[in-house]
N, C-alpha and C. Protein backbone atom coordinates (compact mmCIF):
# COMPACT_ATOMS: atom_id res chain seq x y z
N UNK A 1 -7.08 11.44 25.86
CA UNK A 1 -8.36 10.79 25.74
C UNK A 1 -8.26 9.29 25.94
N UNK A 2 -7.19 8.83 26.51
CA UNK A 2 -7.05 7.40 26.74
C UNK A 2 -8.12 6.93 27.71
N UNK A 3 -8.55 5.71 27.53
CA UNK A 3 -9.64 5.19 28.36
C UNK A 3 -9.19 4.95 29.79
N UNK A 4 -7.99 4.48 29.97
CA UNK A 4 -7.47 4.23 31.32
C UNK A 4 -5.95 4.22 31.24
N UNK A 5 -5.35 4.25 32.41
CA UNK A 5 -3.89 4.17 32.43
C UNK A 5 -3.46 2.82 31.87
N UNK A 6 -2.44 2.83 31.06
CA UNK A 6 -2.00 1.60 30.43
C UNK A 6 -0.50 1.45 30.57
N UNK A 7 -0.07 0.22 30.45
CA UNK A 7 1.35 -0.07 30.50
C UNK A 7 1.99 0.44 29.21
N UNK A 8 3.15 1.04 29.31
CA UNK A 8 3.83 1.54 28.12
C UNK A 8 4.22 0.39 27.22
N UNK A 9 3.99 0.54 25.92
CA UNK A 9 4.32 -0.55 25.01
C UNK A 9 5.84 -0.73 24.89
N UNK A 10 6.22 -1.89 24.47
CA UNK A 10 7.62 -2.20 24.24
C UNK A 10 7.98 -1.69 22.84
N UNK A 11 8.47 -0.47 22.77
CA UNK A 11 8.77 0.15 21.48
C UNK A 11 9.87 -0.58 20.73
N UNK A 12 10.79 -1.17 21.43
CA UNK A 12 11.86 -1.90 20.75
C UNK A 12 11.31 -3.15 20.06
N UNK A 13 10.34 -3.81 20.67
CA UNK A 13 9.72 -4.97 20.03
C UNK A 13 9.00 -4.54 18.74
N UNK A 14 8.32 -3.42 18.81
CA UNK A 14 7.64 -2.91 17.62
C UNK A 14 8.67 -2.54 16.55
N UNK A 15 9.77 -1.93 16.96
CA UNK A 15 10.83 -1.59 16.03
C UNK A 15 11.36 -2.83 15.33
N UNK A 16 11.61 -3.90 16.10
CA UNK A 16 12.15 -5.11 15.50
C UNK A 16 11.14 -5.76 14.56
N UNK A 17 9.86 -5.73 14.90
CA UNK A 17 8.84 -6.25 13.98
C UNK A 17 8.82 -5.45 12.69
N UNK A 18 8.93 -4.14 12.80
CA UNK A 18 8.97 -3.30 11.59
C UNK A 18 10.22 -3.60 10.77
N UNK A 19 11.34 -3.81 11.43
CA UNK A 19 12.58 -4.12 10.72
C UNK A 19 12.48 -5.48 10.02
N UNK A 20 11.90 -6.47 10.70
CA UNK A 20 11.73 -7.79 10.10
C UNK A 20 10.81 -7.72 8.89
N UNK A 21 9.72 -6.99 9.03
CA UNK A 21 8.80 -6.85 7.89
C UNK A 21 9.47 -6.14 6.71
N UNK A 22 10.34 -5.19 6.99
CA UNK A 22 11.06 -4.51 5.92
C UNK A 22 12.01 -5.46 5.20
N UNK A 23 12.71 -6.29 5.96
CA UNK A 23 13.62 -7.27 5.35
C UNK A 23 12.83 -8.27 4.51
N UNK A 24 11.68 -8.70 5.01
CA UNK A 24 10.84 -9.63 4.25
C UNK A 24 10.33 -8.97 2.97
N UNK A 25 9.98 -7.69 3.04
CA UNK A 25 9.57 -6.96 1.83
C UNK A 25 10.68 -6.95 0.79
N UNK A 26 11.88 -6.70 1.21
CA UNK A 26 13.01 -6.68 0.28
C UNK A 26 13.22 -8.08 -0.31
N UNK A 27 13.06 -9.11 0.50
CA UNK A 27 13.19 -10.47 0.01
C UNK A 27 12.11 -10.84 -0.98
N UNK A 28 10.89 -10.35 -0.77
CA UNK A 28 9.77 -10.66 -1.67
C UNK A 28 10.03 -10.13 -3.07
N UNK A 29 10.70 -9.00 -3.17
CA UNK A 29 10.97 -8.40 -4.48
C UNK A 29 11.80 -9.34 -5.36
N UNK A 30 12.67 -10.12 -4.74
CA UNK A 30 13.55 -10.99 -5.50
C UNK A 30 13.00 -12.40 -5.71
N UNK A 31 11.78 -12.68 -5.25
CA UNK A 31 11.19 -14.00 -5.46
C UNK A 31 10.81 -14.18 -6.92
N UNK A 32 10.94 -15.40 -7.44
CA UNK A 32 10.57 -15.65 -8.84
C UNK A 32 9.06 -15.92 -8.99
N UNK A 33 8.25 -14.92 -8.65
CA UNK A 33 6.80 -15.04 -8.78
C UNK A 33 6.29 -13.88 -9.61
N UNK A 34 5.03 -13.89 -9.95
CA UNK A 34 4.45 -12.87 -10.80
C UNK A 34 4.48 -11.48 -10.17
N UNK A 35 4.47 -10.46 -11.02
CA UNK A 35 4.53 -9.08 -10.55
C UNK A 35 3.29 -8.70 -9.75
N UNK A 36 2.15 -9.24 -10.15
CA UNK A 36 0.91 -8.90 -9.44
C UNK A 36 0.94 -9.48 -8.03
N UNK A 37 1.42 -10.71 -7.88
CA UNK A 37 1.51 -11.31 -6.56
C UNK A 37 2.52 -10.55 -5.69
N UNK A 38 3.61 -10.12 -6.29
CA UNK A 38 4.58 -9.32 -5.53
C UNK A 38 3.94 -8.02 -5.06
N UNK A 39 3.19 -7.37 -5.93
CA UNK A 39 2.53 -6.12 -5.56
C UNK A 39 1.53 -6.34 -4.43
N UNK A 40 0.78 -7.43 -4.50
CA UNK A 40 -0.19 -7.73 -3.44
C UNK A 40 0.51 -8.00 -2.12
N UNK A 41 1.58 -8.76 -2.16
CA UNK A 41 2.33 -9.05 -0.93
C UNK A 41 2.94 -7.78 -0.33
N UNK A 42 3.51 -6.93 -1.18
CA UNK A 42 4.09 -5.69 -0.68
C UNK A 42 3.03 -4.78 -0.08
N UNK A 43 1.85 -4.73 -0.69
CA UNK A 43 0.76 -3.93 -0.13
C UNK A 43 0.32 -4.50 1.21
N UNK A 44 0.25 -5.81 1.33
CA UNK A 44 -0.14 -6.43 2.60
C UNK A 44 0.87 -6.12 3.70
N UNK A 45 2.16 -6.21 3.37
CA UNK A 45 3.18 -5.88 4.36
C UNK A 45 3.12 -4.40 4.73
N UNK A 46 2.86 -3.54 3.76
CA UNK A 46 2.76 -2.11 4.06
C UNK A 46 1.58 -1.81 4.98
N UNK A 47 0.47 -2.49 4.76
CA UNK A 47 -0.70 -2.30 5.64
C UNK A 47 -0.38 -2.81 7.05
N UNK A 48 0.30 -3.93 7.15
CA UNK A 48 0.68 -4.46 8.46
C UNK A 48 1.60 -3.50 9.20
N UNK A 49 2.58 -2.94 8.48
CA UNK A 49 3.49 -1.99 9.12
C UNK A 49 2.76 -0.71 9.53
N UNK A 50 1.86 -0.25 8.68
CA UNK A 50 1.09 0.95 9.03
C UNK A 50 0.20 0.70 10.24
N UNK A 51 -0.36 -0.51 10.34
CA UNK A 51 -1.19 -0.84 11.49
C UNK A 51 -0.36 -0.87 12.78
N UNK A 52 0.85 -1.42 12.70
CA UNK A 52 1.73 -1.42 13.87
C UNK A 52 2.07 0.01 14.31
N UNK A 53 2.41 0.85 13.36
CA UNK A 53 2.76 2.23 13.69
C UNK A 53 1.56 2.96 14.29
N UNK A 54 0.39 2.79 13.68
CA UNK A 54 -0.80 3.46 14.19
C UNK A 54 -1.19 2.94 15.57
N UNK A 55 -1.08 1.64 15.77
CA UNK A 55 -1.50 1.06 17.04
C UNK A 55 -0.59 1.46 18.19
N UNK A 56 0.71 1.46 17.96
CA UNK A 56 1.63 1.67 19.07
C UNK A 56 2.21 3.08 19.13
N UNK A 57 2.69 3.61 18.01
CA UNK A 57 3.31 4.93 18.06
C UNK A 57 2.28 6.05 18.08
N UNK A 58 1.11 5.81 17.51
CA UNK A 58 0.03 6.80 17.57
C UNK A 58 -0.94 6.48 18.71
N UNK A 59 -0.66 5.42 19.43
CA UNK A 59 -1.41 5.02 20.62
C UNK A 59 -2.88 4.71 20.35
N UNK A 60 -3.21 4.29 19.13
CA UNK A 60 -4.60 3.93 18.84
C UNK A 60 -5.02 2.66 19.55
N UNK A 61 -4.07 1.83 19.90
CA UNK A 61 -4.39 0.60 20.63
C UNK A 61 -5.00 0.91 22.00
N UNK A 62 -4.63 2.04 22.54
CA UNK A 62 -5.07 2.38 23.88
C UNK A 62 -6.21 3.40 23.89
N UNK A 63 -6.70 3.77 22.72
CA UNK A 63 -7.81 4.72 22.62
C UNK A 63 -9.14 3.97 22.53
N UNK A 64 -10.20 4.74 22.54
CA UNK A 64 -11.53 4.16 22.39
C UNK A 64 -11.72 3.69 20.95
N UNK A 65 -12.71 2.85 20.73
CA UNK A 65 -13.00 2.34 19.39
C UNK A 65 -13.38 3.47 18.45
N UNK A 66 -13.97 4.52 18.95
CA UNK A 66 -14.37 5.65 18.11
C UNK A 66 -13.16 6.27 17.43
N UNK A 67 -12.08 6.43 18.17
CA UNK A 67 -10.86 7.00 17.58
C UNK A 67 -10.29 6.08 16.51
N UNK A 68 -10.38 4.78 16.72
CA UNK A 68 -9.89 3.83 15.72
C UNK A 68 -10.71 3.93 14.45
N UNK A 69 -12.03 4.03 14.58
CA UNK A 69 -12.88 4.16 13.40
C UNK A 69 -12.62 5.48 12.68
N UNK A 70 -12.31 6.53 13.42
CA UNK A 70 -11.99 7.81 12.80
C UNK A 70 -10.70 7.69 11.99
N UNK A 71 -9.75 6.90 12.44
CA UNK A 71 -8.49 6.71 11.72
C UNK A 71 -8.64 5.76 10.54
N UNK A 72 -9.53 4.77 10.65
CA UNK A 72 -9.68 3.76 9.59
C UNK A 72 -10.55 4.26 8.44
N UNK A 73 -11.49 5.14 8.71
CA UNK A 73 -12.43 5.60 7.67
C UNK A 73 -11.73 6.22 6.47
N UNK A 74 -10.76 7.12 6.61
CA UNK A 74 -10.09 7.66 5.41
C UNK A 74 -9.37 6.60 4.60
N UNK A 75 -8.84 5.58 5.26
CA UNK A 75 -8.17 4.50 4.53
C UNK A 75 -9.18 3.76 3.67
N UNK A 76 -10.34 3.48 4.23
CA UNK A 76 -11.39 2.80 3.46
C UNK A 76 -11.84 3.64 2.28
N UNK A 77 -11.98 4.92 2.47
CA UNK A 77 -12.38 5.82 1.38
C UNK A 77 -11.29 5.85 0.30
N UNK A 78 -10.03 5.89 0.69
CA UNK A 78 -8.94 5.91 -0.28
C UNK A 78 -8.92 4.63 -1.11
N UNK A 79 -9.12 3.49 -0.46
CA UNK A 79 -9.16 2.22 -1.19
C UNK A 79 -10.32 2.21 -2.17
N UNK A 80 -11.47 2.70 -1.74
CA UNK A 80 -12.63 2.77 -2.62
C UNK A 80 -12.35 3.65 -3.84
N UNK A 81 -11.74 4.79 -3.63
CA UNK A 81 -11.43 5.69 -4.74
C UNK A 81 -10.41 5.06 -5.71
N UNK A 82 -9.44 4.36 -5.18
CA UNK A 82 -8.46 3.70 -6.04
C UNK A 82 -9.14 2.64 -6.89
N UNK A 83 -10.03 1.85 -6.28
CA UNK A 83 -10.74 0.82 -7.03
C UNK A 83 -11.66 1.41 -8.09
N UNK A 84 -12.21 2.58 -7.84
CA UNK A 84 -13.07 3.23 -8.83
C UNK A 84 -12.25 3.74 -10.01
N UNK A 85 -11.05 4.21 -9.76
CA UNK A 85 -10.21 4.80 -10.81
C UNK A 85 -9.45 3.74 -11.62
N UNK A 86 -9.24 2.56 -11.07
CA UNK A 86 -8.44 1.53 -11.75
C UNK A 86 -8.91 1.19 -13.16
N UNK A 87 -10.21 1.02 -13.44
CA UNK A 87 -10.60 0.70 -14.82
C UNK A 87 -10.17 1.77 -15.83
N UNK A 88 -10.20 3.03 -15.44
CA UNK A 88 -9.75 4.09 -16.33
C UNK A 88 -8.26 4.00 -16.62
N UNK A 89 -7.47 3.64 -15.63
CA UNK A 89 -6.02 3.55 -15.85
C UNK A 89 -5.69 2.39 -16.79
N UNK A 90 -6.45 1.30 -16.72
CA UNK A 90 -6.22 0.19 -17.65
C UNK A 90 -6.57 0.59 -19.07
N UNK A 91 -7.63 1.36 -19.25
CA UNK A 91 -8.03 1.79 -20.58
C UNK A 91 -6.98 2.72 -21.20
N UNK A 92 -6.40 3.60 -20.40
CA UNK A 92 -5.38 4.52 -20.90
C UNK A 92 -4.14 3.75 -21.32
N UNK A 93 -3.73 2.76 -20.54
CA UNK A 93 -2.51 2.02 -20.89
C UNK A 93 -2.72 1.21 -22.17
N UNK A 94 -3.91 0.67 -22.41
CA UNK A 94 -4.17 -0.06 -23.64
C UNK A 94 -4.18 0.87 -24.84
N UNK A 95 -4.73 2.06 -24.67
CA UNK A 95 -4.81 3.01 -25.78
C UNK A 95 -3.43 3.52 -26.17
N UNK A 96 -2.57 3.76 -25.19
CA UNK A 96 -1.25 4.32 -25.50
C UNK A 96 -0.32 3.28 -26.10
N UNK A 97 -0.49 2.01 -25.81
CA UNK A 97 0.40 1.00 -26.40
C UNK A 97 0.15 0.84 -27.89
N UNK A 98 -1.07 1.01 -28.33
CA UNK A 98 -1.37 0.89 -29.76
C UNK A 98 -0.90 2.10 -30.55
N UNK A 99 -0.81 3.26 -29.93
CA UNK A 99 -0.41 4.47 -30.66
C UNK A 99 1.09 4.49 -30.95
N UNK A 100 1.89 3.72 -30.24
CA UNK A 100 3.33 3.68 -30.49
C UNK A 100 3.66 3.08 -31.84
N UNK A 101 2.89 2.12 -32.29
CA UNK A 101 3.15 1.49 -33.58
C UNK A 101 2.85 2.47 -34.72
N UNK A 102 1.82 3.26 -34.60
CA UNK A 102 1.47 4.22 -35.63
C UNK A 102 2.54 5.29 -35.76
N UNK A 103 3.13 5.70 -34.68
CA UNK A 103 4.18 6.72 -34.72
C UNK A 103 5.45 6.17 -35.38
N UNK A 104 5.71 4.89 -35.22
CA UNK A 104 6.92 4.30 -35.79
C UNK A 104 6.80 4.13 -37.31
N UNK A 105 5.60 3.93 -37.83
CA UNK A 105 5.43 3.74 -39.26
C UNK A 105 5.20 5.04 -40.01
N UNK A 106 4.92 6.11 -39.33
CA UNK A 106 4.63 7.38 -39.98
C UNK A 106 5.82 7.90 -40.81
N UNK A 107 7.07 7.88 -40.37
CA UNK A 107 8.17 8.41 -41.17
C UNK A 107 8.40 7.60 -42.44
N UNK A 108 8.09 6.33 -42.44
CA UNK A 108 8.30 5.51 -43.64
C UNK A 108 7.34 5.93 -44.76
N UNK A 109 6.17 6.41 -44.42
CA UNK A 109 5.19 6.82 -45.42
C UNK A 109 5.56 8.16 -46.07
N UNK A 110 6.36 8.99 -45.40
CA UNK A 110 6.72 10.29 -45.94
C UNK A 110 7.77 10.19 -47.03
N UNK A 111 8.49 9.13 -47.14
CA UNK A 111 9.58 9.00 -48.12
C UNK A 111 9.05 8.89 -49.51
């Protein structure tokens, strides 16, 4: 379904970009910055790598815009679902941290 004949991409260049991004990801883990910023940076690098793979190895760069939108739509839905579920996960983590103290004091009351 390609729109027209296209020049074959330079797969080795894409490979080296993916390798460089992977090395940068490993380096980001060891930076003395906050955990949230590290998570955001790692997610950004993962999205960049996924875009490179989709564009060149899945040949989305050479397809019509309709095919690109068909590939991007599930990603947008997944992000939306994650953002909807995040408040619930924060509530569960707060509730479980308080219950640990009650379990530690329970045996002292039985004596």
